[in-house]
Amino acid sequence: MFKSLKKDDVIGIIEFNEQPKTVLKATPVRKIDINKFSRIISGITADGGTDINIGISYGIDEISRYKSNNTLNQIYLFSDGNPTSGETEWIRIRQNIDKKTRGNIR
């Protein structure tokens, strides 16, 4: 995936279980050493619960650091998809995402 990115693309990585951790702050690809990137990816392991709500929230915060009308921001979530800690109700998780990205839900 990394090799398919353009030099001006920005990538950041948030690792989460019950707590989020930024393992790579949103950074333009041209400033990232591929060996460092590979070490970061290799160091990610599944452990603990799954707080999808907080993981996505941190992801949204991270991509907003490079917010621009000329960019397409995307979040890729790699998870077992089963929220087991923090907010576990999917409807509330979706509402929280909507509030963070667009405003309040009616």
C-alpha atoms as a PDB file:
ATOM      1  CA  MET A   1       0.000   0.000   0.000  1.00  0.00           C
ATOM      2  CA  PHE A   2       2.726   2.473   0.954  1.00  0.00           C
ATOM      3  CA  LYS A   3       4.432   2.224  -2.432  1.00  0.00           C
ATOM      4  CA  SER A   4       1.193   3.116  -4.234  1.00  0.00           C
ATOM      5  CA  LEU A   5       0.907   6.453  -2.406  1.00  0.00           C
ATOM      6  CA  LYS A   6       1.965   9.714  -4.034  1.00  0.00           C
ATOM      7  CA  LYS A   7       4.696  11.812  -2.420  1.00  0.00           C
ATOM      8  CA  ASP A   8       2.155  14.492  -1.415  1.00  0.00           C
ATOM      9  CA  ASP A   9      -0.292  11.981   0.098  1.00  0.00           C
ATOM     10  CA  VAL A  10      -0.480  11.995   3.874  1.00  0.00           C
ATOM     11  CA  ILE A  11      -0.658   8.921   6.067  1.00  0.00           C
ATOM     12  CA  GLY A  12      -1.087   8.491   9.803  1.00  0.00           C
ATOM     13  CA  ILE A  13      -1.582   5.386  11.915  1.00  0.00           C
ATOM     14  CA  ILE A  14      -3.633   5.056  15.090  1.00  0.00           C
ATOM     15  CA  GLU A  15      -3.398   1.840  17.065  1.00  0.00           C
ATOM     16  CA  PHE A  16      -6.158   1.155  19.560  1.00  0.00           C
ATOM     17  CA  ASN A  17      -7.571  -1.357  21.977  1.00  0.00           C
ATOM     18  CA  GLU A  18      -9.146   0.150  25.106  1.00  0.00           C
ATOM     19  CA  GLN A  19      -6.950   3.233  24.554  1.00  0.00           C
ATOM     20  CA  PRO A  20      -5.758   4.876  21.336  1.00  0.00           C
ATOM     21  CA  LYS A  21      -2.119   5.462  20.524  1.00  0.00           C
ATOM     22  CA  THR A  22      -0.775   7.477  17.611  1.00  0.00           C
ATOM     23  CA  VAL A  23       2.062   5.384  16.201  1.00  0.00           C
ATOM     24  CA  LEU A  24       2.572   7.638  13.168  1.00  0.00           C
ATOM     25  CA  LYS A  25       1.284  11.204  13.165  1.00  0.00           C
ATOM     26  CA  ALA A  26      -0.267  12.315   9.887  1.00  0.00           C
ATOM     27  CA  THR A  27       2.810  12.917   7.743  1.00  0.00           C
ATOM     28  CA  PRO A  28       3.369  13.516   4.030  1.00  0.00           C
ATOM     29  CA  VAL A  29       4.695  10.342   2.410  1.00  0.00           C
ATOM     30  CA  ARG A  30       7.752  12.192   1.086  1.00  0.00           C
ATOM     31  CA  LYS A  31       8.889  12.648   4.712  1.00  0.00           C
ATOM     32  CA  ILE A  32       8.540   8.977   5.724  1.00  0.00           C
ATOM     33  CA  ASP A  33      11.333   6.452   5.397  1.00  0.00           C
ATOM     34  CA  ILE A  34       9.874   3.207   4.031  1.00  0.00           C
ATOM     35  CA  ASN A  35      11.967   1.146   6.475  1.00  0.00           C
ATOM     36  CA  LYS A  36      10.549   3.114   9.416  1.00  0.00           C
ATOM     37  CA  PHE A  37       7.044   2.655   8.010  1.00  0.00           C
ATOM     38  CA  SER A  38       7.605  -1.103   7.694  1.00  0.00           C
ATOM     39  CA  ARG A  39       8.836  -1.308  11.301  1.00  0.00           C
ATOM     40  CA  ILE A  40       5.747   0.574  12.508  1.00  0.00           C
ATOM     41  CA  ILE A  41       3.389  -1.747  10.633  1.00  0.00           C
ATOM     42  CA  SER A  42       5.269  -4.847  11.817  1.00  0.00           C
ATOM     43  CA  GLY A  43       5.018  -3.651  15.419  1.00  0.00           C
ATOM     44  CA  ILE A  44       1.223  -3.447  15.462  1.00  0.00           C
ATOM     45  CA  THR A  45      -0.376  -6.359  17.291  1.00  0.00           C
ATOM     46  CA  ALA A  46      -3.902  -7.271  18.335  1.00  0.00           C
ATOM     47  CA  ASP A  47      -4.228  -7.017  22.097  1.00  0.00           C
ATOM     48  CA  GLY A  48      -6.960  -6.178  24.580  1.00  0.00           C
ATOM     49  CA  GLY A  49     -10.461  -4.943  23.880  1.00  0.00           C
ATOM     50  CA  THR A  50     -11.779  -3.066  20.876  1.00  0.00           C
ATOM     51  CA  ASP A  51     -12.873   0.540  21.420  1.00  0.00           C
ATOM     52  CA  ILE A  52     -13.802   1.327  17.824  1.00  0.00           C
ATOM     53  CA  ASN A  53     -15.445   4.589  18.874  1.00  0.00           C
ATOM     54  CA  ILE A  54     -12.238   6.063  20.277  1.00  0.00           C
ATOM     55  CA  GLY A  55     -10.083   4.611  17.489  1.00  0.00           C
ATOM     56  CA  ILE A  56     -12.182   6.276  14.799  1.00  0.00           C
ATOM     57  CA  SER A  57     -12.390   9.501  16.800  1.00  0.00           C
ATOM     58  CA  TYR A  58      -8.593   9.708  16.980  1.00  0.00           C
ATOM     59  CA  GLY A  59      -8.388   8.847  13.285  1.00  0.00           C
ATOM     60  CA  ILE A  60     -10.714  11.741  12.438  1.00  0.00           C
ATOM     61  CA  ASP A  61      -8.609  14.095  14.567  1.00  0.00           C
ATOM     62  CA  GLU A  62      -5.450  12.929  12.827  1.00  0.00           C
ATOM     63  CA  ILE A  63      -6.712  13.372   9.254  1.00  0.00           C
ATOM     64  CA  SER A  64      -8.094  16.802  10.114  1.00  0.00           C
ATOM     65  CA  ARG A  65      -4.507  18.001  10.639  1.00  0.00           C
ATOM     66  CA  TYR A  66      -4.124  18.081   6.832  1.00  0.00           C
ATOM     67  CA  LYS A  67      -7.666  19.108   5.966  1.00  0.00           C
ATOM     68  CA  SER A  68      -7.934  20.810   2.590  1.00  0.00           C
ATOM     69  CA  ASN A  69     -10.495  21.333  -0.155  1.00  0.00           C
ATOM     70  CA  ASN A  70      -7.974  19.726  -2.522  1.00  0.00           C
ATOM     71  CA  THR A  71      -7.641  16.451  -0.648  1.00  0.00           C
ATOM     72  CA  LEU A  72      -9.695  13.347  -0.104  1.00  0.00           C
ATOM     73  CA  ASN A  73      -9.426  12.194   3.495  1.00  0.00           C
ATOM     74  CA  GLN A  74      -9.958   8.524   4.227  1.00  0.00           C
ATOM     75  CA  ILE A  75      -9.837   6.318   7.278  1.00  0.00           C
ATOM     76  CA  TYR A  76      -9.107   2.619   6.969  1.00  0.00           C
ATOM     77  CA  LEU A  77     -10.207   0.664  10.007  1.00  0.00           C
ATOM     78  CA  PHE A  78      -8.581  -2.709  10.575  1.00  0.00           C
ATOM     79  CA  SER A  79     -10.400  -4.517  13.358  1.00  0.00           C
ATOM     80  CA  ASP A  80     -12.363  -7.620  14.205  1.00  0.00           C
ATOM     81  CA  GLY A  81     -15.327  -5.233  14.033  1.00  0.00           C
ATOM     82  CA  ASN A  82     -16.688  -6.145  17.435  1.00  0.00           C
ATOM     83  CA  PRO A  83     -16.689  -3.169  19.847  1.00  0.00           C
ATOM     84  CA  THR A  84     -15.976  -4.713  23.239  1.00  0.00           C
ATOM     85  CA  SER A  85     -14.895  -1.697  25.292  1.00  0.00           C
ATOM     86  CA  GLY A  86     -15.824   1.961  25.578  1.00  0.00           C
ATOM     87  CA  GLU A  87     -18.945   2.694  23.548  1.00  0.00           C
ATOM     88  CA  THR A  88     -20.238  -0.645  22.263  1.00  0.00           C
ATOM     89  CA  GLU A  89     -23.568   0.388  20.704  1.00  0.00           C
ATOM     90  CA  TRP A  90     -23.194   0.738  16.922  1.00  0.00           C
ATOM     91  CA  ILE A  91     -25.908   3.392  16.650  1.00  0.00           C
ATOM     92  CA  ARG A  92     -24.110   5.604  19.174  1.00  0.00           C
ATOM     93  CA  ILE A  93     -20.762   4.977  17.475  1.00  0.00           C
ATOM     94  CA  ARG A  94     -22.230   6.105  14.131  1.00  0.00           C
ATOM     95  CA  GLN A  95     -23.824   9.149  15.796  1.00  0.00           C
ATOM     96  CA  ASN A  96     -20.470  10.078  17.350  1.00  0.00           C
ATOM     97  CA  ILE A  97     -18.746   9.799  13.971  1.00  0.00           C
ATOM     98  CA  ASP A  98     -21.422  11.968  12.372  1.00  0.00           C
ATOM     99  CA  LYS A  99     -21.122  14.625  15.092  1.00  0.00           C
ATOM    100  CA  LYS A 100     -17.366  14.732  14.662  1.00  0.00           C
ATOM    101  CA  THR A 101     -17.452  14.955  10.870  1.00  0.00           C
ATOM    102  CA  ARG A 102     -20.645  16.861  10.009  1.00  0.00           C
ATOM    103  CA  GLY A 103     -22.386  18.231  13.076  1.00  0.00           C
ATOM    104  CA  ASN A 104     -25.230  17.132  15.306  1.00  0.00           C
ATOM    105  CA  ILE A 105     -27.633  14.396  14.255  1.00  0.00           C
ATOM    106  CA  ARG A 106     -31.326  15.207  14.388  1.00  0.00           C
END
